[in-house]
Amino acid sequence: MNTKKTVLITGARAPAALHLCRLFHNTGHTVIMADSIPYPLSKVSTSTDYFYEIPSPKWKTNECIHALLSIIQRRNVDVLIPTCEEIFYISRYKEQLSPFCHVFVDDFRKLSLLHNKWDFIQLAANLGWRVPATYRTNNEQDIKTMLYQTADTASFVLKPIFSRFSDKVEFITKEVAIKENMIDKSNYILQEFIQGTQHCSYSIAQSGNVLAHSTYKTEFTAGVGATIAFKPIDHPKIEQFVGHIVKELDFSGQIAFDFIVTENGDAIPIECNPRATSGLHLFDAEIVSAFFHANVNHTLIPKPHSECAIRLAMLVYGLPYVKSKQKRKRWLQVLCSYPDIIYSHTDRKPFFYQFFSMYKLWRESVKHERTILEQTTHDIAWDGEHL
């Protein structure tokens, strides 16, 4: 039996996609990468057998799906694995693609439920989990009542229902919340601020079973929320929550969650990313079997000492940590000791190409008056629009 597969990975711009590309290549599979920008990291990887630039999933959805279908048929693709927010568009049109290959995503209804921060909080609460008190900003009366009943020292998080990388997230006091014009933020939620440390999880699931799982604590970020250094930890309550959600939804695919872990160790879920995230970097080639659902008899977890970091991001976003007496030593320790995610001695081109890719991204962000983080997903993001 021929065990060699042809794998099509979309979102080639993401470091997670590059990591997947290398893992599949190193285990003997043919790897095709695709993206809607011409300068993604994986384009120059020696692990990439073919690269295709495809139309934007967000702005040219039909053309994107047709392009993927053409690649799948031409290259006899066995598995399609989205890694970024193009996953929502691929999921929505999964029926058109599934007859020709296995599409490693769950159905659009589930992904939409999990991606919607309001709906996700309701789901977790209904399943009996403690969640932050959360209010839709279009329910002005409920917000006024809540603010009247809370202490003057209370703090809140104001964020869009659909967002990524903690984009447009604001941390505000009760005084600011009272003065805030919520009418202008109709697609936002106001959430109780919970004191604690952010933790993240990444998992692969099949038919309600968790096949692979990693948890890591957020120490260093790009901007407000995108973690850029990773060290695996064990947290049973997080594992329990992930298993419960996956089982309840009979979920298949990649799924990630953000939590606030309090001083007493309670893990409080705050949002979900039903796609690949950087927790994937903590795994080695063993995780490939989870994508094929082959020979996975127990939940795969990262090996000890599998920490890693995106060193360029550590440098670009490092100034606040350098200025902090409490964090400077730890930042320097992680920068110097954690292996770089992008660099590989057998695949050096992406390391050097990332500087060109970052420059192009910066140029586009300046041209369109967006932040760099906004620019990274401008052509693939899904914010609840009708599809």
Protein backbone atom coordinates (compact mmCIF):
# COMPACT_ATOMS: atom_id res chain seq x y z
CA MET A 1 0.00 0.00 0.00
CA ASN A 2 1.34 3.43 -0.95
CA THR A 3 1.53 5.53 2.23
CA LYS A 4 2.90 8.62 0.48
CA LYS A 5 0.26 11.35 0.28
CA THR A 6 -0.06 14.65 -1.54
CA VAL A 7 -0.96 17.39 0.91
CA LEU A 8 -2.21 20.88 0.00
CA ILE A 9 -1.65 23.44 2.78
CA THR A 10 -3.17 26.91 2.51
CA GLY A 11 -2.13 30.00 4.43
CA ALA A 12 1.51 29.60 3.39
CA ARG A 13 2.31 32.98 4.99
CA ALA A 14 1.98 31.59 8.52
CA PRO A 15 4.94 30.19 10.48
CA ALA A 16 2.59 27.34 11.50
CA ALA A 17 2.09 26.50 7.82
CA LEU A 18 5.86 26.44 7.29
CA HIS A 19 6.22 24.09 10.24
CA LEU A 20 3.55 21.77 8.83
CA CYS A 21 5.18 21.93 5.42
CA ARG A 22 8.49 20.74 6.86
CA LEU A 23 6.89 17.98 8.94
CA PHE A 24 4.97 16.51 6.01
CA HIS A 25 8.02 16.76 3.72
CA ASN A 26 10.29 15.11 6.29
CA THR A 27 7.87 12.19 6.60
CA GLY A 28 7.94 11.55 2.86
CA HIS A 29 4.83 13.30 1.58
CA THR A 30 4.46 15.65 -1.39
CA VAL A 31 3.70 19.17 -0.15
CA ILE A 32 1.83 21.85 -2.09
CA MET A 33 1.57 25.31 -0.54
CA ALA A 34 -0.93 28.00 -1.56
CA ASP A 35 -1.65 31.56 -0.52
CA SER A 36 -3.26 34.74 -1.85
CA ILE A 37 -0.15 36.86 -1.32
CA PRO A 38 2.94 36.49 -3.55
CA TYR A 39 5.52 36.58 -0.73
CA PRO A 40 4.62 33.93 1.91
CA LEU A 41 7.33 32.27 3.99
CA SER A 42 6.77 28.73 2.73
CA LYS A 43 7.14 29.77 -0.91
CA VAL A 44 10.92 29.45 -0.73
CA SER A 45 11.11 26.42 1.55
CA THR A 46 12.96 23.39 0.21
CA SER A 47 10.13 21.36 1.75
CA THR A 48 7.64 22.89 -0.68
CA ASP A 49 7.25 20.84 -3.85
CA TYR A 50 4.84 23.30 -5.51
CA PHE A 51 3.58 26.77 -4.63
CA TYR A 52 0.46 28.40 -6.07
CA GLU A 53 -0.72 31.97 -5.66
CA ILE A 54 -4.51 31.89 -5.45
CA PRO A 55 -7.19 34.64 -5.45
CA SER A 56 -8.14 36.22 -2.14
CA PRO A 57 -10.60 34.03 -0.20
CA LYS A 58 -12.23 37.16 1.24
CA TRP A 59 -12.52 39.37 -1.82
CA LYS A 60 -12.67 36.74 -4.59
CA THR A 61 -14.18 33.76 -2.84
CA ASN A 62 -15.58 31.90 -5.85
CA GLU A 63 -12.36 32.34 -7.82
CA CYS A 64 -10.36 31.10 -4.81
CA ILE A 65 -12.45 27.94 -4.46
CA HIS A 66 -12.19 27.24 -8.18
CA ALA A 67 -8.41 27.70 -8.04
CA LEU A 68 -8.13 25.24 -5.14
CA LEU A 69 -10.34 22.76 -6.97
CA SER A 70 -8.09 23.04 -10.02
CA ILE A 71 -4.94 22.41 -7.95
CA ILE A 72 -6.56 19.45 -6.17
CA GLN A 73 -7.55 17.79 -9.43
CA ARG A 74 -4.34 18.58 -11.30
CA ARG A 75 -2.02 17.38 -8.53
CA ASN A 76 -4.18 14.51 -7.23
CA VAL A 77 -4.29 16.00 -3.73
CA ASP A 78 -5.21 13.61 -0.92
CA VAL A 79 -5.66 16.09 1.94
CA LEU A 80 -6.38 19.84 2.05
CA ILE A 81 -5.31 21.53 5.30
CA PRO A 82 -6.13 25.22 5.84
CA THR A 83 -4.07 26.99 8.52
CA CYS A 84 -5.33 30.60 8.64
CA GLU A 85 -8.72 32.28 8.36
CA GLU A 86 -9.21 31.07 4.81
CA ILE A 87 -10.52 28.04 6.71
CA PHE A 88 -13.96 29.68 7.00
CA TYR A 89 -14.28 30.09 3.23
CA ILE A 90 -13.00 26.57 2.57
CA SER A 91 -15.41 25.18 5.16
CA ARG A 92 -18.32 27.06 3.62
CA TYR A 93 -17.59 25.47 0.23
CA LYS A 94 -16.40 22.14 1.58
CA GLU A 95 -19.06 20.22 -0.37
CA GLN A 96 -17.51 21.35 -3.67
CA LEU A 97 -14.03 20.20 -2.62
CA SER A 98 -14.74 17.02 -0.62
CA PRO A 99 -15.51 14.74 -3.59
CA PHE A 100 -11.89 15.16 -4.75
CA CYS A 101 -9.91 15.01 -1.48
CA HIS A 102 -10.25 14.96 2.29
CA VAL A 103 -10.82 18.52 3.52
CA PHE A 104 -9.42 18.81 7.05
CA VAL A 105 -12.09 21.17 8.41
CA ASP A 106 -15.41 20.78 10.18
CA ASP A 107 -18.65 22.22 8.88
CA PHE A 108 -19.18 25.97 8.62
CA ARG A 109 -21.89 26.11 11.28
CA LYS A 110 -19.52 24.81 13.98
CA LEU A 111 -16.65 27.06 12.93
CA SER A 112 -18.93 30.10 12.89
CA LEU A 113 -20.23 29.27 16.38
CA LEU A 114 -16.71 28.97 17.78
CA HIS A 115 -15.27 32.02 15.99
CA ASN A 116 -18.09 34.28 17.22
CA LYS A 117 -16.90 35.47 20.63
CA TRP A 118 -20.43 36.06 21.93
CA ASP A 119 -21.77 32.68 20.77
CA PHE A 120 -18.70 30.87 22.10
CA ILE A 121 -19.12 32.34 25.59
CA GLN A 122 -22.79 31.30 25.60
CA LEU A 123 -21.80 27.78 24.53
CA ALA A 124 -19.22 27.43 27.30
CA ALA A 125 -21.61 28.85 29.91
CA ASN A 126 -24.42 26.53 28.83
CA LEU A 127 -22.07 23.57 29.24
CA GLY A 128 -21.47 24.57 32.85
CA TRP A 129 -18.10 26.30 32.62
CA ARG A 130 -17.25 29.52 34.42
CA VAL A 131 -16.91 32.35 31.90
CA PRO A 132 -16.42 36.12 32.19
CA ALA A 133 -19.65 38.11 32.51
CA THR A 134 -20.21 39.18 28.90
CA TYR A 135 -22.62 41.67 27.30
CA ARG A 136 -23.47 42.59 23.73
CA THR A 137 -22.87 46.31 23.21
CA ASN A 138 -26.14 46.62 21.29
CA ASN A 139 -27.96 45.72 24.54
CA GLU A 140 -27.48 49.15 26.12
CA GLN A 141 -29.99 48.61 28.94
CA ASP A 142 -28.27 45.43 30.17
CA ILE A 143 -24.91 47.19 30.14
CA LYS A 144 -26.23 50.17 32.09
CA THR A 145 -27.78 47.87 34.68
CA MET A 146 -24.59 45.86 35.00
CA LEU A 147 -22.40 48.96 35.33
CA TYR A 148 -24.69 50.36 38.02
CA GLN A 149 -24.28 47.17 40.06
CA THR A 150 -20.50 46.78 39.76
CA ALA A 151 -17.82 48.26 41.98
CA ASP A 152 -16.17 51.53 40.94
CA THR A 153 -12.83 49.71 40.69
CA ALA A 154 -14.16 47.18 38.15
CA SER A 155 -12.37 46.81 34.81
CA PHE A 156 -13.65 45.54 31.47
CA VAL A 157 -12.48 44.28 28.11
CA LEU A 158 -14.11 45.78 25.02
CA LYS A 159 -13.53 43.77 21.84
CA PRO A 160 -15.08 42.96 18.45
CA ILE A 161 -17.20 39.83 18.22
CA PHE A 162 -15.03 38.78 15.26
CA SER A 163 -11.32 39.52 15.55
CA ARG A 164 -7.89 37.92 15.77
CA PHE A 165 -4.54 38.66 17.48
CA SER A 166 -6.50 40.69 20.09
CA ASP A 167 -6.97 43.31 17.37
CA LYS A 168 -8.92 46.41 18.51
CA VAL A 169 -9.16 45.07 22.07
CA GLU A 170 -9.46 47.80 24.71
CA PHE A 171 -9.00 47.44 28.46
CA ILE A 172 -11.22 50.05 30.11
CA THR A 173 -12.32 51.14 33.59
CA LYS A 174 -15.90 51.42 34.77
CA GLU A 175 -15.69 55.20 34.38
CA VAL A 176 -14.63 54.89 30.73
CA ALA A 177 -17.28 52.21 30.10
CA ILE A 178 -20.01 54.54 31.34
CA LYS A 179 -18.82 57.28 28.98
CA GLU A 180 -18.18 54.96 26.02
CA ASN A 181 -20.59 55.38 23.11
CA MET A 182 -21.60 51.74 22.65
CA ILE A 183 -23.86 52.54 19.69
CA ASP A 184 -20.75 53.01 17.55
CA LYS A 185 -19.54 49.55 18.57
CA SER A 186 -22.60 47.45 17.74
CA ASN A 187 -20.55 44.37 16.81
CA TYR A 188 -18.59 44.34 20.05
CA ILE A 189 -18.85 42.66 23.42
CA LEU A 190 -18.10 44.14 26.84
CA GLN A 191 -16.52 41.51 29.05
CA GLU A 192 -15.59 41.33 32.69
CA PHE A 193 -11.82 41.68 33.16
CA ILE A 194 -10.46 38.72 35.10
CA GLN A 195 -7.09 39.02 36.80
CA GLY A 196 -4.72 36.23 35.83
CA THR A 197 -2.31 34.92 33.20
CA GLN A 198 -3.29 34.16 29.62
CA HIS A 199 -2.82 30.56 28.51
CA CYS A 200 -3.49 29.08 25.09
CA SER A 201 -4.20 25.61 23.80
CA TYR A 202 -3.96 23.98 20.39
CA SER A 203 -5.52 20.63 19.52
CA ILE A 204 -6.32 18.30 16.65
CA ALA A 205 -9.59 16.41 16.91
CA GLN A 206 -11.40 13.75 14.95
CA SER A 207 -15.09 12.89 15.46
CA GLY A 208 -15.17 14.30 18.98
CA ASN A 209 -11.86 12.80 20.13
CA VAL A 210 -8.73 14.84 20.88
CA LEU A 211 -5.82 13.29 18.97
CA ALA A 212 -3.17 15.89 19.82
CA HIS A 213 -3.05 18.65 22.43
CA SER A 214 -0.66 21.36 23.63
CA THR A 215 -0.96 24.13 26.22
CA TYR A 216 1.36 27.09 26.68
CA LYS A 217 1.46 30.28 28.74
CA THR A 218 1.56 33.71 27.10
CA GLU A 219 4.74 35.53 28.15
CA PHE A 220 5.69 37.62 25.11
CA THR A 221 3.35 38.93 22.44
CA ALA A 222 3.25 40.81 19.15
CA GLY A 223 0.97 43.68 20.07
CA VAL A 224 -1.68 42.90 22.68
CA GLY A 225 -2.32 39.23 22.18
CA ALA A 226 -0.37 37.22 19.55
CA THR A 227 2.03 34.93 21.45
CA ILE A 228 5.55 34.71 19.98
CA ALA A 229 7.40 32.39 22.41
CA PHE A 230 6.21 28.92 23.37
CA LYS A 231 6.91 26.39 26.10
CA PRO A 232 4.59 23.43 26.71
CA ILE A 233 2.95 23.05 30.11
CA ASP A 234 0.43 20.68 31.63
CA HIS A 235 -2.90 22.08 32.77
CA PRO A 236 -5.53 19.41 33.48
CA LYS A 237 -8.45 21.88 33.65
CA ILE A 238 -7.62 23.22 30.19
CA GLU A 239 -7.36 19.67 28.83
CA GLN A 240 -10.72 18.86 30.42
CA PHE A 241 -12.37 21.89 28.85
CA VAL A 242 -10.98 21.15 25.38
CA GLY A 243 -12.10 17.54 25.59
CA HIS A 244 -15.60 18.60 26.68
CA ILE A 245 -16.10 21.10 23.83
CA VAL A 246 -14.67 18.75 21.21
CA LYS A 247 -16.89 15.89 22.38
CA GLU A 248 -20.00 18.06 22.70
CA LEU A 249 -19.65 19.37 19.14
CA ASP A 250 -18.38 16.08 17.73
CA PHE A 251 -15.62 18.28 16.34
CA SER A 252 -13.09 17.34 13.67
CA GLY A 253 -10.15 19.53 12.69
CA GLN A 254 -7.78 22.00 14.34
CA ILE A 255 -9.02 24.00 17.31
CA ALA A 256 -7.43 26.44 19.75
CA PHE A 257 -8.62 28.29 22.84
CA ASP A 258 -7.49 31.24 24.96
CA PHE A 259 -7.91 31.14 28.74
CA ILE A 260 -7.26 33.31 31.76
CA VAL A 261 -5.73 31.21 34.53
CA THR A 262 -6.39 32.72 37.96
CA GLU A 263 -4.19 32.55 41.06
CA ASN A 264 -6.06 29.48 42.32
CA GLY A 265 -5.42 27.65 39.03
CA ASP A 266 -8.91 27.96 37.58
CA ALA A 267 -8.87 28.14 33.77
CA ILE A 268 -11.52 30.49 32.42
CA PRO A 269 -12.15 30.29 28.64
CA ILE A 270 -12.38 33.64 26.86
CA GLU A 271 -12.34 32.82 23.14
CA CYS A 272 -11.77 30.17 20.49
CA ASN A 273 -9.79 30.00 17.24
CA PRO A 274 -11.08 27.01 15.23
CA ARG A 275 -7.92 26.80 13.10
CA ALA A 276 -4.18 26.27 13.35
CA THR A 277 -2.29 28.36 15.88
CA SER A 278 1.29 28.49 17.07
CA GLY A 279 0.77 25.67 19.56
CA LEU A 280 1.45 23.51 16.52
CA HIS A 281 5.15 24.49 16.72
CA LEU A 282 5.56 22.46 19.91
CA PHE A 283 5.06 19.19 18.00
CA ASP A 284 7.48 17.20 15.89
CA ALA A 285 6.79 14.82 13.00
CA GLU A 286 4.73 12.52 15.23
CA ILE A 287 1.76 14.87 14.80
CA VAL A 288 1.49 14.12 11.06
CA SER A 289 -0.39 10.91 11.89
CA ALA A 290 -3.15 12.97 13.55
CA PHE A 291 -3.95 14.68 10.24
CA PHE A 292 -4.43 11.27 8.63
CA HIS A 293 -6.14 9.83 11.74
CA ALA A 294 -3.74 6.89 11.50
CA ASN A 295 -2.18 4.96 14.38
CA VAL A 296 -3.20 7.52 17.02
CA ASN A 297 -4.01 5.35 20.03
CA HIS A 298 -3.55 8.09 22.64
CA THR A 299 -3.56 11.87 22.73
CA LEU A 300 -0.26 13.17 21.37
CA ILE A 301 1.44 15.84 23.48
CA PRO A 302 4.63 17.86 22.93
CA LYS A 303 7.88 16.31 24.01
CA PRO A 304 9.66 17.90 27.01
CA HIS A 305 11.94 20.84 26.18
CA SER A 306 10.18 21.56 22.88
CA GLU A 307 10.12 25.31 23.52
CA CYS A 308 10.59 27.68 20.55
CA ALA A 309 10.14 31.32 19.55
CA ILE A 310 9.71 33.58 16.55
CA ARG A 311 12.94 35.51 17.07
CA LEU A 312 12.26 38.25 14.54
CA ALA A 313 8.97 39.02 16.31
CA MET A 314 10.76 38.90 19.68
CA LEU A 315 13.07 41.62 18.39
CA VAL A 316 10.46 43.72 16.57
CA TYR A 317 8.11 43.75 19.57
CA GLY A 318 10.83 43.59 22.21
CA LEU A 319 11.15 47.26 23.26
CA PRO A 320 8.53 47.16 26.06
CA TYR A 321 10.25 44.09 27.53
CA VAL A 322 13.70 45.65 27.30
CA LYS A 323 12.39 48.70 29.19
CA SER A 324 10.85 46.55 31.93
CA LYS A 325 13.18 45.63 34.80
CA GLN A 326 10.92 42.71 35.69
CA LYS A 327 10.80 41.24 32.16
CA ARG A 328 14.12 42.23 30.57
CA LYS A 329 16.14 39.28 31.91
CA ARG A 330 13.49 36.73 30.97
CA TRP A 331 13.07 38.27 27.49
CA LEU A 332 16.82 38.02 26.87
CA GLN A 333 16.91 34.45 28.18
CA VAL A 334 14.09 33.34 25.86
CA LEU A 335 15.54 35.24 22.88
CA CYS A 336 18.92 33.55 23.26
CA SER A 337 17.92 30.05 24.36
CA TYR A 338 14.66 29.19 22.56
CA PRO A 339 15.22 27.75 19.05
CA ASP A 340 13.94 29.96 16.25
CA ILE A 341 10.77 28.69 14.61
CA ILE A 342 11.70 29.98 11.15
CA TYR A 343 15.34 28.89 10.97
CA SER A 344 16.28 25.34 10.01
CA HIS A 345 19.81 24.29 9.11
CA THR A 346 18.35 22.08 6.37
CA ASP A 347 15.98 24.78 5.10
CA ARG A 348 17.60 28.19 5.51
CA LYS A 349 15.84 30.21 2.80
CA PRO A 350 12.67 31.04 4.78
CA PHE A 351 14.81 32.60 7.54
CA PHE A 352 16.32 35.13 5.13
CA TYR A 353 13.13 35.49 3.09
CA GLN A 354 11.16 36.53 6.19
CA PHE A 355 12.87 39.93 6.12
CA PHE A 356 11.69 40.55 2.56
CA SER A 357 8.24 39.22 3.43
CA MET A 358 8.03 41.50 6.46
CA TYR A 359 9.18 44.48 4.36
CA LYS A 360 6.47 43.80 1.75
CA LEU A 361 3.90 43.45 4.51
CA TRP A 362 4.99 46.75 6.03
CA ARG A 363 4.81 48.50 2.65
CA GLU A 364 1.26 47.23 2.11
CA SER A 365 0.21 48.25 5.60
CA VAL A 366 1.52 51.81 5.09
CA LYS A 367 -0.11 52.04 1.67
CA HIS A 368 -3.53 51.02 3.00
CA GLU A 369 -3.17 52.72 6.41
CA ARG A 370 -3.46 49.50 8.39
CA THR A 371 -1.42 48.06 11.23
CA ILE A 372 0.95 45.23 10.28
CA LEU A 373 -1.22 42.73 12.18
CA GLU A 374 -4.33 43.94 10.29
CA GLN A 375 -2.48 43.62 7.00
CA THR A 376 -1.48 40.01 7.70
CA THR A 377 -5.12 38.86 7.46
CA HIS A 378 -6.76 41.58 5.35
CA ASP A 379 -7.35 39.27 2.39
CA ILE A 380 -8.38 36.16 4.34
CA ALA A 381 -10.21 37.35 7.46
CA TRP A 382 -13.84 36.44 8.03
CA ASP A 383 -15.86 38.79 10.24
CA GLY A 384 -19.29 37.23 10.10
CA GLU A 385 -20.24 38.36 6.59
CA HIS A 386 -22.81 36.28 4.72
CA LEU A 387 -21.15 33.59 2.61
